[in-house]
Structures are given as structure tokens and as C-alpha cells.
Amino acid sequence: MEAFRVMVRARTLEDKLANLYKAGGRLVGGVYLGKGQEAYSAALGIQLRWQHDILGPFIRDQAARIAFGEPPLDPMRTYFGSVRGPMRGRDGNVHRGRPKDGLPAMISHIGSMVSLVSGMLFARRMQGRLGDAVGAVTLGEGGTSTGAFHEGVNLAAVEKLPLIIAVTNNQYSYSTSNDRQFACSDLAERAKGYGIQGRNVDGTDLIQCVQAFDEVVRAARSGSGPQLIIGHTLRLTGHGEHDDSSYIPESVKKSPIGRDCMLIAEQQILEHAWMNDKEIAEWKNTCRADVERMVATAMKEPAPDPFKEPWRALSTSELCEGQWTV
């Protein structure tokens, strides 16, 4: 139920972002949506603890960010370039984070977050403050072909770090299909080469996703080392809102992986009588009202003042660790 509520909130927020983008001139930067991947993303996020674990998100992880504990105004403030956002209006769209709380800012070079989160876990261990914390990093299947992915997973495997590598196999790396990305038939099989655990899950099925992530996070916390999990789904939109995804055949869209995880989750919830139609509708209305309030707030907030802003790197302690505030 927690994961479903997160899914609805993420879908509602991103639908609003898509509308604002199409209206023209309202948002800073591009818009990249996780439509069709919310079940997989939310199922991971609800297993993690804010300010205790680490989440290294990628561009389609609004649901995981919400479930992990990202302040609800952060995405809107970042998109509108508000100085009160976590990046202080310096970097648009998805490049936001709160490193002090375990949420590093996303790196566009997909695969690099694996190295980053592995390094953060290793640093905590060397400092003697790792405890039972875990780190999770999310990426698309295309990111598994990068050198940074190999280096990060290899380090995590050798050091037996509590790392969850959650790969969303949405069939296309931008417009490049799987058969042009890798020759192996099962990405989870790559785990054997690193000496770690690997598994597959239907990314359109919320219940399967929650069960799978419950198991892999428990395994990582208990000292079983890195866990590679592949969620099979399809993004139900273009790479970004600037992309019409015309390269995806209708046969793929109509296949089982092309199912909308939101509709599947609603069906599961109704079948188990966890909520009824009225309660689901009320939750959606609540989410819409919340999103509208966040938009209204972010739009009224100021952009950075170039004459007052301390133009130091966001990685400096004054900004990265929240020691300097508006």
C-alpha cells in the first residue's frame, strides 16, 4: 500500500511536469519521466531509510526519491530554478540531491552512480560508521555497458559492500534496442562474472517488485554483499518529453512488458480489497491538490541573485552539507 501511494504521487507529479513542459517556457531544462516504471522504483525506495541508507537515483526515479524521503518541494523547486531548492537554482531538472541525507545528486552519465555509491559505502566503512546501512543505485540496462558500471560493481564485489544494483531493463537505451546493446540473453547472468547474486523480476508487477526488493535489501543488510536485480518493463513515454518514441514497435508496446504498472497495481489492490475504487480516487485527488500547491509555491520563489550568491562549487561543505542556507 505504501508503494502504491508513492506510485500515484510520482505519476501525478510527473504528469504535471509534462504538461508544464509542453506549455513552453515554464521549466528549466528537459523533462524525463518514469511512466511505466513506478512500481519497480517505488518498491525499492520504500525499503530504504532516509539519513541512514544511500540512494543513487537516475532520471526515471521520482517514485524511489519520494519513497526514500526526498522533501516534496525539491523537484518543483529544482525545475523552476528556485534558490530555495537543494541545488539553489544552479542546475535544472533531475540533477538534484541532498548528500548529507544519503541522496547524492544524480550524474547524467548513466553507470557512474554505481562507482559513486560504491565509494560512499566504502568511505563509511573506513570511517567506522557503515553499520547496517545499504546503498542502492538505479540505472537503465544501457548503463550496464559502461566502464564505470564495471569498475563500481567490481569494487563492491571484492569488498563485499552492501550495494543493491537495480537495473531497469526498459528495452531501449534512448532509441537503441537491447539487441544492439549487448549479446547476452539475460543481464542477471552478468552477476556471476562478479561473484555476486543476480535475479530478474517483472517490473510491471508491484507485488513481485516489493517482494523481490524486500529480499535483496535484507540480503545486503545481512552481509551477503552486492545484489544485482533486473526489472523488466517498458517506459511508456519517450526518452524525454522531447522524444516521441516512434522507434518502439507497436508489438512491443502491446506485449506483457508494455503493461502500465499503475493499472496492474490498482487491479491487485482491488482484488485483495486493500482499497476500494472510492479510496483510490480520493488518494489521486489528494495527490493532485498537493502537486498544484507545490507548483504555486515554487513559481513564486526567487531565482539565485548573481550579486549575492556565493559562487563556489556545490561540492563545498557550505553548500553540499547544508551549512549555508538562504
Protein backbone atom coordinates (compact mmCIF):
# COMPACT_ATOMS: atom_id res chain seq x y z
CA MET A 1 0.00 0.00 0.00
CA GLU A 2 2.86 2.36 0.84
CA ALA A 3 4.46 1.65 -2.54
CA PHE A 4 1.17 2.20 -4.39
CA ARG A 5 0.61 5.55 -2.72
CA VAL A 6 4.12 6.57 -3.76
CA MET A 7 3.41 5.45 -7.32
CA VAL A 8 0.31 7.61 -7.55
CA ARG A 9 2.14 10.62 -6.13
CA ALA A 10 5.04 10.17 -8.56
CA ARG A 11 2.77 9.71 -11.59
CA THR A 12 0.71 12.77 -10.62
CA LEU A 13 3.78 14.95 -10.14
CA GLU A 14 5.34 13.85 -13.43
CA ASP A 15 2.11 14.30 -15.38
CA LYS A 16 2.13 17.88 -14.15
CA LEU A 17 5.75 18.34 -15.19
CA ALA A 18 4.94 17.01 -18.65
CA ASN A 19 2.07 19.48 -19.01
CA LEU A 20 4.23 22.38 -17.86
CA TYR A 21 6.96 21.38 -20.31
CA LYS A 22 4.53 21.23 -23.21
CA ALA A 23 3.13 24.63 -22.25
CA GLY A 24 6.54 26.03 -23.16
CA GLY A 25 8.96 28.23 -21.28
CA ARG A 26 7.80 27.25 -17.79
CA LEU A 27 10.54 24.81 -16.80
CA VAL A 28 14.33 24.83 -16.70
CA GLY A 29 15.92 22.00 -18.72
CA GLY A 30 14.42 18.80 -20.10
CA VAL A 31 11.78 16.55 -18.58
CA TYR A 32 12.38 12.82 -18.17
CA LEU A 33 9.57 10.68 -16.83
CA GLY A 34 9.38 7.29 -15.13
CA LYS A 35 5.95 6.45 -16.52
CA GLY A 36 5.61 2.67 -16.58
CA GLN A 37 8.49 2.14 -14.16
CA GLU A 38 6.99 3.45 -10.92
CA ALA A 39 6.28 0.02 -9.41
CA TYR A 40 9.92 -1.07 -9.66
CA SER A 41 11.17 2.30 -8.45
CA ALA A 42 8.77 2.67 -5.51
CA ALA A 43 9.31 -0.92 -4.38
CA LEU A 44 13.00 -0.16 -3.92
CA GLY A 45 12.54 3.23 -2.27
CA ILE A 46 10.23 2.00 0.50
CA GLN A 47 12.91 -0.44 1.68
CA LEU A 48 15.45 2.34 2.33
CA ARG A 49 15.83 4.62 5.36
CA TRP A 50 16.32 8.36 4.94
CA GLN A 51 19.54 9.70 6.52
CA HIS A 52 20.70 6.12 7.12
CA ASP A 53 20.98 4.42 3.73
CA ILE A 54 22.16 5.78 0.37
CA LEU A 55 20.13 6.10 -2.83
CA GLY A 56 21.86 6.93 -6.10
CA PRO A 57 18.95 7.66 -8.47
CA PHE A 58 18.78 8.07 -12.22
CA ILE A 59 16.47 10.08 -14.44
CA ARG A 60 13.33 7.94 -14.02
CA ASP A 61 13.34 7.54 -10.26
CA GLN A 62 10.85 10.08 -8.96
CA ALA A 63 8.99 7.27 -7.19
CA ALA A 64 12.14 5.99 -5.45
CA ARG A 65 13.08 9.53 -4.41
CA ILE A 66 9.64 10.12 -2.87
CA ALA A 67 9.63 6.75 -1.10
CA PHE A 68 13.16 7.33 0.23
CA GLY A 69 12.21 10.66 1.76
CA GLU A 70 13.14 13.45 -0.64
CA PRO A 71 11.34 16.64 0.53
CA PRO A 72 8.24 17.00 -1.69
CA LEU A 73 9.08 20.54 -2.81
CA ASP A 74 12.58 19.62 -4.03
CA PRO A 75 11.62 18.53 -7.56
CA MET A 76 9.41 21.54 -8.26
CA ARG A 77 11.90 23.98 -6.81
CA THR A 78 14.65 22.48 -8.96
CA TYR A 79 12.60 22.53 -12.15
CA PHE A 80 11.61 26.15 -11.58
CA GLY A 81 15.14 27.21 -10.65
CA SER A 82 14.23 28.35 -7.14
CA VAL A 83 17.08 29.47 -4.91
CA ARG A 84 15.37 27.56 -2.09
CA GLY A 85 15.84 24.24 -3.89
CA PRO A 86 18.58 21.77 -2.94
CA MET A 87 20.75 22.91 -5.88
CA ARG A 88 19.97 26.58 -5.17
CA GLY A 89 18.66 27.08 -8.71
CA ARG A 90 22.01 26.29 -10.29
CA ASP A 91 21.12 23.07 -12.09
CA GLY A 92 17.78 22.21 -13.65
CA ASN A 93 15.59 19.11 -13.86
CA VAL A 94 16.82 15.85 -12.33
CA HIS A 95 20.31 16.90 -11.20
CA ARG A 96 19.45 17.41 -7.58
CA GLY A 97 20.29 15.73 -4.31
CA ARG A 98 20.91 16.00 -0.59
CA PRO A 99 24.23 14.21 0.02
CA LYS A 100 24.12 14.80 3.78
CA ASP A 101 20.88 12.79 3.92
CA GLY A 102 22.13 9.95 1.71
CA LEU A 103 20.80 11.24 -1.61
CA PRO A 104 23.69 12.24 -3.90
CA ALA A 105 22.91 14.46 -6.87
CA MET A 106 22.26 12.42 -9.99
CA ILE A 107 25.02 12.10 -12.60
CA SER A 108 23.82 12.14 -16.21
CA HIS A 109 26.49 9.66 -17.28
CA ILE A 110 24.46 6.56 -16.51
CA GLY A 111 26.62 3.93 -14.83
CA SER A 112 28.77 6.43 -12.94
CA MET A 113 26.41 6.38 -9.98
CA VAL A 114 27.47 2.77 -9.33
CA SER A 115 31.05 3.89 -8.75
CA LEU A 116 29.87 6.84 -6.66
CA VAL A 117 27.63 4.85 -4.31
CA SER A 118 30.23 2.08 -4.00
CA GLY A 119 32.74 4.74 -3.00
CA MET A 120 30.36 6.27 -0.47
CA LEU A 121 29.77 2.88 1.17
CA PHE A 122 33.50 2.12 1.21
CA ALA A 123 34.24 5.52 2.75
CA ARG A 124 31.67 4.95 5.50
CA ARG A 125 33.24 1.58 6.26
CA MET A 126 36.72 3.13 6.52
CA GLN A 127 35.29 5.79 8.83
CA GLY A 128 33.71 3.11 11.02
CA ARG A 129 30.16 4.38 10.53
CA LEU A 130 28.64 1.99 7.99
CA GLY A 131 26.64 -0.08 10.46
CA ASP A 132 23.77 -1.90 8.77
CA ALA A 133 23.29 0.77 6.11
CA VAL A 134 22.94 -0.21 2.47
CA GLY A 135 23.44 1.69 -0.75
CA ALA A 136 21.16 1.36 -3.74
CA VAL A 137 21.88 2.63 -7.21
CA THR A 138 19.43 2.60 -10.10
CA LEU A 139 20.14 2.70 -13.81
CA GLY A 140 18.82 1.55 -17.16
CA GLU A 141 20.11 -1.50 -18.99
CA GLY A 142 22.24 0.71 -21.23
CA GLY A 143 24.23 1.85 -18.21
CA THR A 144 25.46 -1.71 -17.63
CA SER A 145 27.61 -1.38 -20.76
CA THR A 146 29.76 1.41 -19.34
CA GLY A 147 33.22 1.16 -17.83
CA ALA A 148 32.08 2.96 -14.69
CA PHE A 149 29.47 0.25 -14.10
CA HIS A 150 32.11 -2.47 -14.30
CA GLU A 151 34.54 -0.64 -12.02
CA GLY A 152 31.88 0.15 -9.43
CA VAL A 153 30.39 -3.35 -9.32
CA ASN A 154 33.84 -4.94 -9.26
CA LEU A 155 34.89 -2.82 -6.27
CA ALA A 156 31.63 -3.60 -4.46
CA ALA A 157 32.03 -7.32 -5.14
CA VAL A 158 35.65 -7.52 -3.99
CA GLU A 159 34.90 -5.52 -0.84
CA LYS A 160 31.52 -7.25 -0.29
CA LEU A 161 29.81 -3.90 0.04
CA PRO A 162 26.07 -3.77 0.88
CA LEU A 163 25.14 -2.47 -2.56
CA ILE A 164 21.89 -3.05 -4.45
CA ILE A 165 22.26 -2.51 -8.21
CA ALA A 166 18.72 -2.03 -9.51
CA VAL A 167 18.70 -2.13 -13.31
CA THR A 168 15.53 -1.16 -15.14
CA ASN A 169 15.56 -3.04 -18.42
CA ASN A 170 13.11 -0.87 -20.34
CA GLN A 171 14.30 -2.34 -23.64
CA TYR A 172 15.76 0.86 -25.09
CA SER A 173 18.80 2.95 -24.25
CA TYR A 174 17.30 6.12 -25.68
CA SER A 175 16.46 4.66 -29.13
CA THR A 176 18.94 1.75 -29.14
CA SER A 177 17.23 -1.61 -28.66
CA ASN A 178 18.62 -4.38 -26.46
CA ASP A 179 19.88 -6.48 -29.37
CA ARG A 180 22.20 -3.61 -30.32
CA GLN A 181 23.39 -3.08 -26.74
CA PHE A 182 24.51 -6.50 -25.51
CA ALA A 183 24.77 -10.07 -26.75
CA CYS A 184 23.88 -11.94 -23.55
CA SER A 185 20.33 -13.24 -23.23
CA ASP A 186 19.96 -12.44 -19.53
CA LEU A 187 21.55 -9.41 -17.85
CA ALA A 188 21.21 -11.05 -14.43
CA GLU A 189 23.73 -13.66 -15.61
CA ARG A 190 26.39 -10.95 -15.54
CA ALA A 191 26.30 -11.16 -11.75
CA LYS A 192 28.18 -14.50 -11.91
CA GLY A 193 31.16 -12.80 -13.52
CA TYR A 194 31.49 -10.56 -10.49
CA GLY A 195 30.79 -13.31 -7.96
CA ILE A 196 27.60 -11.68 -6.71
CA GLN A 197 23.91 -12.54 -6.60
CA GLY A 198 21.64 -11.72 -9.55
CA ARG A 199 17.92 -12.10 -10.21
CA ASN A 200 15.10 -10.98 -12.51
CA VAL A 201 11.69 -9.54 -11.68
CA ASP A 202 8.63 -8.43 -13.64
CA GLY A 203 8.89 -4.66 -13.32
CA THR A 204 5.22 -4.17 -14.17
CA ASP A 205 4.02 -6.22 -11.16
CA LEU A 206 4.02 -4.22 -7.92
CA ILE A 207 3.65 -7.20 -5.59
CA GLN A 208 6.53 -9.06 -7.25
CA CYS A 209 8.70 -5.95 -7.08
CA VAL A 210 8.02 -5.34 -3.39
CA GLN A 211 8.76 -8.97 -2.52
CA ALA A 212 11.95 -9.01 -4.59
CA PHE A 213 13.37 -5.79 -3.16
CA ASP A 214 12.46 -6.86 0.37
CA GLU A 215 14.64 -9.93 -0.17
CA VAL A 216 17.61 -8.25 -1.84
CA VAL A 217 17.77 -5.39 0.67
CA ARG A 218 17.61 -7.85 3.56
CA ALA A 219 20.41 -9.85 1.95
CA ALA A 220 22.59 -6.77 1.54
CA ARG A 221 21.96 -5.64 5.15
CA SER A 222 22.84 -9.08 6.48
CA GLY A 223 26.30 -9.07 4.89
CA SER A 224 25.66 -11.07 1.73
CA GLY A 225 27.39 -8.49 -0.44
CA PRO A 226 26.18 -6.78 -3.62
CA GLN A 227 22.83 -7.73 -5.14
CA LEU A 228 22.05 -7.25 -8.84
CA ILE A 229 18.36 -7.13 -9.73
CA ILE A 230 16.92 -6.64 -13.21
CA GLY A 231 13.39 -5.29 -13.58
CA HIS A 232 11.81 -5.93 -16.97
CA THR A 233 9.42 -3.27 -18.18
CA LEU A 234 8.96 -0.60 -20.86
CA ARG A 235 8.97 3.15 -20.46
CA LEU A 236 5.55 4.36 -21.58
CA THR A 237 6.92 7.60 -22.94
CA GLY A 238 9.88 8.84 -24.92
CA HIS A 239 13.41 9.09 -23.57
CA GLY A 240 12.35 12.63 -22.61
CA GLU A 241 9.32 14.73 -23.38
CA HIS A 242 11.15 15.96 -26.49
CA ASP A 243 11.14 12.40 -27.88
CA ASP A 244 8.05 10.77 -29.45
CA SER A 245 9.42 7.19 -29.07
CA SER A 246 8.35 6.36 -32.63
CA TYR A 247 11.19 3.80 -32.80
CA ILE A 248 9.34 1.46 -30.39
CA PRO A 249 7.24 -1.03 -32.40
CA GLU A 250 3.56 -1.41 -31.57
CA SER A 251 4.16 -5.12 -30.97
CA VAL A 252 6.47 -4.25 -28.08
CA LYS A 253 4.05 -1.72 -26.64
CA LYS A 254 1.28 -4.33 -26.69
CA SER A 255 3.43 -7.10 -25.20
CA PRO A 256 3.40 -8.06 -21.48
CA ILE A 257 6.34 -5.76 -20.69
CA GLY A 258 4.34 -2.87 -22.16
CA ARG A 259 1.68 -3.08 -19.47
CA ASP A 260 1.11 0.00 -17.33
CA CYS A 261 2.30 -0.89 -13.83
CA MET A 262 -0.16 1.64 -12.37
CA LEU A 263 -3.16 -0.21 -13.81
CA ILE A 264 -1.74 -3.56 -12.68
CA ALA A 265 -1.19 -2.22 -9.15
CA GLU A 266 -4.73 -0.85 -8.94
CA GLN A 267 -6.11 -4.20 -10.07
CA GLN A 268 -4.05 -6.04 -7.44
CA ILE A 269 -5.18 -3.69 -4.69
CA LEU A 270 -8.84 -4.06 -5.61
CA GLU A 271 -8.53 -7.86 -5.83
CA HIS A 272 -7.04 -8.02 -2.33
CA ALA A 273 -9.60 -5.49 -1.02
CA TRP A 274 -6.82 -3.28 0.37
CA MET A 275 -8.63 -0.22 -1.01
CA ASN A 276 -11.80 0.34 -2.95
CA ASP A 277 -12.42 2.50 -6.03
CA LYS A 278 -13.56 5.46 -3.94
CA GLU A 279 -10.48 5.40 -1.73
CA ILE A 280 -8.16 5.19 -4.74
CA ALA A 281 -9.94 8.13 -6.37
CA GLU A 282 -9.67 10.15 -3.15
CA TRP A 283 -5.93 9.48 -2.94
CA LYS A 284 -5.45 10.60 -6.54
CA ASN A 285 -7.37 13.80 -5.83
CA THR A 286 -5.24 14.44 -2.75
CA CYS A 287 -2.07 14.00 -4.80
CA ARG A 288 -3.30 16.38 -7.49
CA ALA A 289 -4.09 19.04 -4.91
CA ASP A 290 -0.68 18.60 -3.27
CA VAL A 291 1.12 18.93 -6.60
CA GLU A 292 -0.79 22.09 -7.50
CA ARG A 293 0.20 23.64 -4.16
CA MET A 294 3.84 22.75 -4.75
CA VAL A 295 3.79 24.31 -8.22
CA ALA A 296 2.22 27.50 -6.85
CA THR A 297 4.85 27.70 -4.12
CA ALA A 298 7.86 27.05 -6.37
CA MET A 299 6.71 29.51 -9.04
CA LYS A 300 6.63 32.36 -6.51
CA GLU A 301 10.11 31.74 -5.14
CA PRO A 302 13.10 33.79 -6.34
CA ALA A 303 15.89 32.66 -8.62
CA PRO A 304 19.52 32.99 -7.42
CA ASP A 305 20.74 36.57 -7.13
CA PRO A 306 24.05 36.68 -9.06
CA PHE A 307 25.28 39.54 -6.86
CA LYS A 308 24.60 37.75 -3.56
CA GLU A 309 25.11 34.09 -4.43
CA PRO A 310 28.35 32.55 -3.12
CA TRP A 311 29.66 31.21 -6.45
CA ARG A 312 31.51 28.26 -5.02
CA ALA A 313 31.14 24.69 -6.17
CA LEU A 314 28.12 22.86 -4.84
CA SER A 315 30.54 20.22 -3.59
CA THR A 316 31.97 22.57 -0.96
CA SER A 317 30.86 21.89 2.59
CA GLU A 318 28.96 25.17 2.92
CA LEU A 319 26.52 24.09 0.22
CA CYS A 320 26.77 20.31 -0.04
CA GLU A 321 26.28 19.72 3.67
CA GLY A 322 23.66 22.40 4.16
CA GLN A 323 25.79 24.68 6.29
CA TRP A 324 24.87 27.69 4.19
CA THR A 325 21.19 28.49 3.87
CA VAL A 326 19.05 31.19 2.28
